[in-house]
């Protein structure tokens, strides 16, 4: 389903429980809100145009990266970020839920019954 945004359009291409892929058509000068995702990483892949991505570290440091056609970058969960189109841009925005191997809280310890 295609949805209009102030900055252009977004269209959901694929979605399951851990991955979502959107096609974004961003007008030159268009930008999204400064935001973050708690459990999802954002991967941007530029099909055409130039897309500037700004991220803010937990220390408040601002870092800007410009992606060109065929380039991609990933933004980890919990990182404030914002995109801006320097030209008309077509890109894929992919969300991936991040599972953590250490995501477990134990109330007891496993073991083996003693053989009799």
C-alpha atoms as a PDB file:
ATOM      1  CA  UNK A   1       0.000   0.000   0.000  1.00  0.00           C
ATOM      2  CA  UNK A   2       1.355   3.411  -1.007  1.00  0.00           C
ATOM      3  CA  UNK A   3       1.122   6.263   1.511  1.00  0.00           C
ATOM      4  CA  UNK A   4       1.681   9.950   0.928  1.00  0.00           C
ATOM      5  CA  UNK A   5       4.092  11.868   3.141  1.00  0.00           C
ATOM      6  CA  UNK A   6       5.027  15.548   3.220  1.00  0.00           C
ATOM      7  CA  UNK A   7       8.411  14.579   1.763  1.00  0.00           C
ATOM      8  CA  UNK A   8       7.127  12.115  -0.899  1.00  0.00           C
ATOM      9  CA  UNK A   9       5.681   8.589  -0.750  1.00  0.00           C
ATOM     10  CA  UNK A  10       6.355   5.281   0.962  1.00  0.00           C
ATOM     11  CA  UNK A  11       5.115   1.896  -0.200  1.00  0.00           C
ATOM     12  CA  UNK A  12       5.295  -1.342   1.777  1.00  0.00           C
ATOM     13  CA  UNK A  13       6.766  -4.059  -0.456  1.00  0.00           C
ATOM     14  CA  UNK A  14       7.251  -6.900   2.040  1.00  0.00           C
ATOM     15  CA  UNK A  15       6.621  -7.531   5.722  1.00  0.00           C
ATOM     16  CA  UNK A  16       6.882 -10.477   8.096  1.00  0.00           C
ATOM     17  CA  UNK A  17       7.534 -10.730  11.844  1.00  0.00           C
ATOM     18  CA  UNK A  18      11.201  -9.656  11.641  1.00  0.00           C
ATOM     19  CA  UNK A  19      11.711  -7.756   8.355  1.00  0.00           C
ATOM     20  CA  UNK A  20       9.869  -4.989   6.492  1.00  0.00           C
ATOM     21  CA  UNK A  21      10.886  -3.434   3.167  1.00  0.00           C
ATOM     22  CA  UNK A  22       9.538  -0.087   1.966  1.00  0.00           C
ATOM     23  CA  UNK A  23      10.099   1.714  -1.345  1.00  0.00           C
ATOM     24  CA  UNK A  24      10.596   5.437  -0.707  1.00  0.00           C
ATOM     25  CA  UNK A  25      10.259   8.175  -3.308  1.00  0.00           C
ATOM     26  CA  UNK A  26      11.601  11.337  -1.674  1.00  0.00           C
ATOM     27  CA  UNK A  27      11.360  14.788  -3.269  1.00  0.00           C
ATOM     28  CA  UNK A  28      14.485  16.957  -3.367  1.00  0.00           C
ATOM     29  CA  UNK A  29      14.695  18.834  -0.061  1.00  0.00           C
ATOM     30  CA  UNK A  30      12.312  16.416   1.677  1.00  0.00           C
ATOM     31  CA  UNK A  31      13.250  15.118   5.105  1.00  0.00           C
ATOM     32  CA  UNK A  32      11.765  12.922   7.823  1.00  0.00           C
ATOM     33  CA  UNK A  33      11.450  13.631  11.525  1.00  0.00           C
ATOM     34  CA  UNK A  34      14.396  13.121  13.868  1.00  0.00           C
ATOM     35  CA  UNK A  35      13.520   9.783  15.446  1.00  0.00           C
ATOM     36  CA  UNK A  36      14.724   6.370  16.592  1.00  0.00           C
ATOM     37  CA  UNK A  37      13.471   2.806  16.813  1.00  0.00           C
ATOM     38  CA  UNK A  38      13.889   0.835  20.028  1.00  0.00           C
ATOM     39  CA  UNK A  39      14.042  -2.689  18.564  1.00  0.00           C
ATOM     40  CA  UNK A  40      14.495  -2.238  14.805  1.00  0.00           C
ATOM     41  CA  UNK A  41      17.550  -1.399  12.760  1.00  0.00           C
ATOM     42  CA  UNK A  42      17.073   0.763   9.651  1.00  0.00           C
ATOM     43  CA  UNK A  43      18.898  -0.118   6.453  1.00  0.00           C
ATOM     44  CA  UNK A  44      18.779   2.389   3.584  1.00  0.00           C
ATOM     45  CA  UNK A  45      19.748   1.348   0.026  1.00  0.00           C
ATOM     46  CA  UNK A  46      19.764   4.141  -2.581  1.00  0.00           C
ATOM     47  CA  UNK A  47      18.423   3.191  -6.036  1.00  0.00           C
ATOM     48  CA  UNK A  48      18.860   6.699  -7.463  1.00  0.00           C
ATOM     49  CA  UNK A  49      19.754  10.156  -6.200  1.00  0.00           C
ATOM     50  CA  UNK A  50      21.670  11.369  -3.147  1.00  0.00           C
ATOM     51  CA  UNK A  51      20.377  10.811   0.371  1.00  0.00           C
ATOM     52  CA  UNK A  52      21.922  12.440   3.453  1.00  0.00           C
ATOM     53  CA  UNK A  53      21.561  10.506   6.699  1.00  0.00           C
ATOM     54  CA  UNK A  54      22.231  12.219   9.998  1.00  0.00           C
ATOM     55  CA  UNK A  55      22.698  10.237  13.209  1.00  0.00           C
ATOM     56  CA  UNK A  56      23.173  11.460  16.754  1.00  0.00           C
ATOM     57  CA  UNK A  57      25.241   9.365  19.143  1.00  0.00           C
ATOM     58  CA  UNK A  58      24.334   8.876  22.794  1.00  0.00           C
ATOM     59  CA  UNK A  59      26.961  11.538  23.553  1.00  0.00           C
ATOM     60  CA  UNK A  60      25.063  13.983  21.322  1.00  0.00           C
ATOM     61  CA  UNK A  61      27.640  13.931  18.509  1.00  0.00           C
ATOM     62  CA  UNK A  62      26.109  14.522  15.079  1.00  0.00           C
ATOM     63  CA  UNK A  63      27.409  12.473  12.124  1.00  0.00           C
ATOM     64  CA  UNK A  64      26.311  12.940   8.502  1.00  0.00           C
ATOM     65  CA  UNK A  65      26.730  10.468   5.648  1.00  0.00           C
ATOM     66  CA  UNK A  66      25.712  11.018   2.021  1.00  0.00           C
ATOM     67  CA  UNK A  67      24.659   7.907   0.114  1.00  0.00           C
ATOM     68  CA  UNK A  68      24.895   7.728  -3.665  1.00  0.00           C
ATOM     69  CA  UNK A  69      23.250   5.303  -6.082  1.00  0.00           C
ATOM     70  CA  UNK A  70      24.078   1.707  -5.121  1.00  0.00           C
ATOM     71  CA  UNK A  71      25.237   2.578  -1.590  1.00  0.00           C
ATOM     72  CA  UNK A  72      23.687   1.533   1.700  1.00  0.00           C
ATOM     73  CA  UNK A  73      24.031   2.065   5.426  1.00  0.00           C
ATOM     74  CA  UNK A  74      22.563   0.613   8.590  1.00  0.00           C
ATOM     75  CA  UNK A  75      21.369   2.484  11.660  1.00  0.00           C
ATOM     76  CA  UNK A  76      21.227   0.446  14.847  1.00  0.00           C
ATOM     77  CA  UNK A  77      18.253   0.398  17.248  1.00  0.00           C
ATOM     78  CA  UNK A  78      18.201   3.212  19.794  1.00  0.00           C
ATOM     79  CA  UNK A  79      20.084   5.677  17.555  1.00  0.00           C
ATOM     80  CA  UNK A  80      18.439   9.012  16.703  1.00  0.00           C
ATOM     81  CA  UNK A  81      18.473   9.605  12.951  1.00  0.00           C
ATOM     82  CA  UNK A  82      16.970  11.629  10.115  1.00  0.00           C
ATOM     83  CA  UNK A  83      17.170  11.521   6.311  1.00  0.00           C
ATOM     84  CA  UNK A  84      17.122  14.355   3.794  1.00  0.00           C
ATOM     85  CA  UNK A  85      17.017  14.125  -0.009  1.00  0.00           C
ATOM     86  CA  UNK A  86      19.739  16.228  -1.662  1.00  0.00           C
ATOM     87  CA  UNK A  87      18.193  15.346  -5.045  1.00  0.00           C
ATOM     88  CA  UNK A  88      15.053  13.429  -5.955  1.00  0.00           C
ATOM     89  CA  UNK A  89      15.667  10.023  -4.351  1.00  0.00           C
ATOM     90  CA  UNK A  90      14.355   6.512  -4.805  1.00  0.00           C
ATOM     91  CA  UNK A  91      15.494   4.070  -2.129  1.00  0.00           C
ATOM     92  CA  UNK A  92      14.642   0.977  -0.172  1.00  0.00           C
ATOM     93  CA  UNK A  93      14.193   1.325   3.567  1.00  0.00           C
ATOM     94  CA  UNK A  94      14.456  -1.983   5.368  1.00  0.00           C
ATOM     95  CA  UNK A  95      13.582  -2.622   8.989  1.00  0.00           C
ATOM     96  CA  UNK A  96      15.007  -5.612  10.805  1.00  0.00           C
ATOM     97  CA  UNK A  97      14.088  -6.596  14.340  1.00  0.00           C
ATOM     98  CA  UNK A  98      17.271  -7.269  16.274  1.00  0.00           C
ATOM     99  CA  UNK A  99      17.307 -10.347  18.464  1.00  0.00           C
ATOM    100  CA  UNK A 100      20.022 -10.553  21.100  1.00  0.00           C
ATOM    101  CA  UNK A 101      21.693 -13.867  21.995  1.00  0.00           C
ATOM    102  CA  UNK A 102      21.864 -12.773  25.635  1.00  0.00           C
ATOM    103  CA  UNK A 103      18.123 -11.994  25.729  1.00  0.00           C
ATOM    104  CA  UNK A 104      17.336 -14.396  28.554  1.00  0.00           C
ATOM    105  CA  UNK A 105      16.535 -14.055  32.257  1.00  0.00           C
ATOM    106  CA  UNK A 106      17.037 -17.267  34.198  1.00  0.00           C
ATOM    107  CA  UNK A 107      15.099 -18.129  37.362  1.00  0.00           C
ATOM    108  CA  UNK A 108      16.835 -21.477  37.808  1.00  0.00           C
ATOM    109  CA  UNK A 109      19.826 -23.427  36.506  1.00  0.00           C
ATOM    110  CA  UNK A 110      19.435 -26.385  34.163  1.00  0.00           C
ATOM    111  CA  UNK A 111      21.030 -29.761  34.919  1.00  0.00           C
ATOM    112  CA  UNK A 112      20.702 -33.524  34.695  1.00  0.00           C
ATOM    113  CA  UNK A 113      18.990 -35.993  37.015  1.00  0.00           C
ATOM    114  CA  UNK A 114      21.462 -38.365  38.623  1.00  0.00           C
ATOM    115  CA  UNK A 115      21.339 -41.844  37.126  1.00  0.00           C
ATOM    116  CA  UNK A 116      20.027 -44.527  39.484  1.00  0.00           C
END
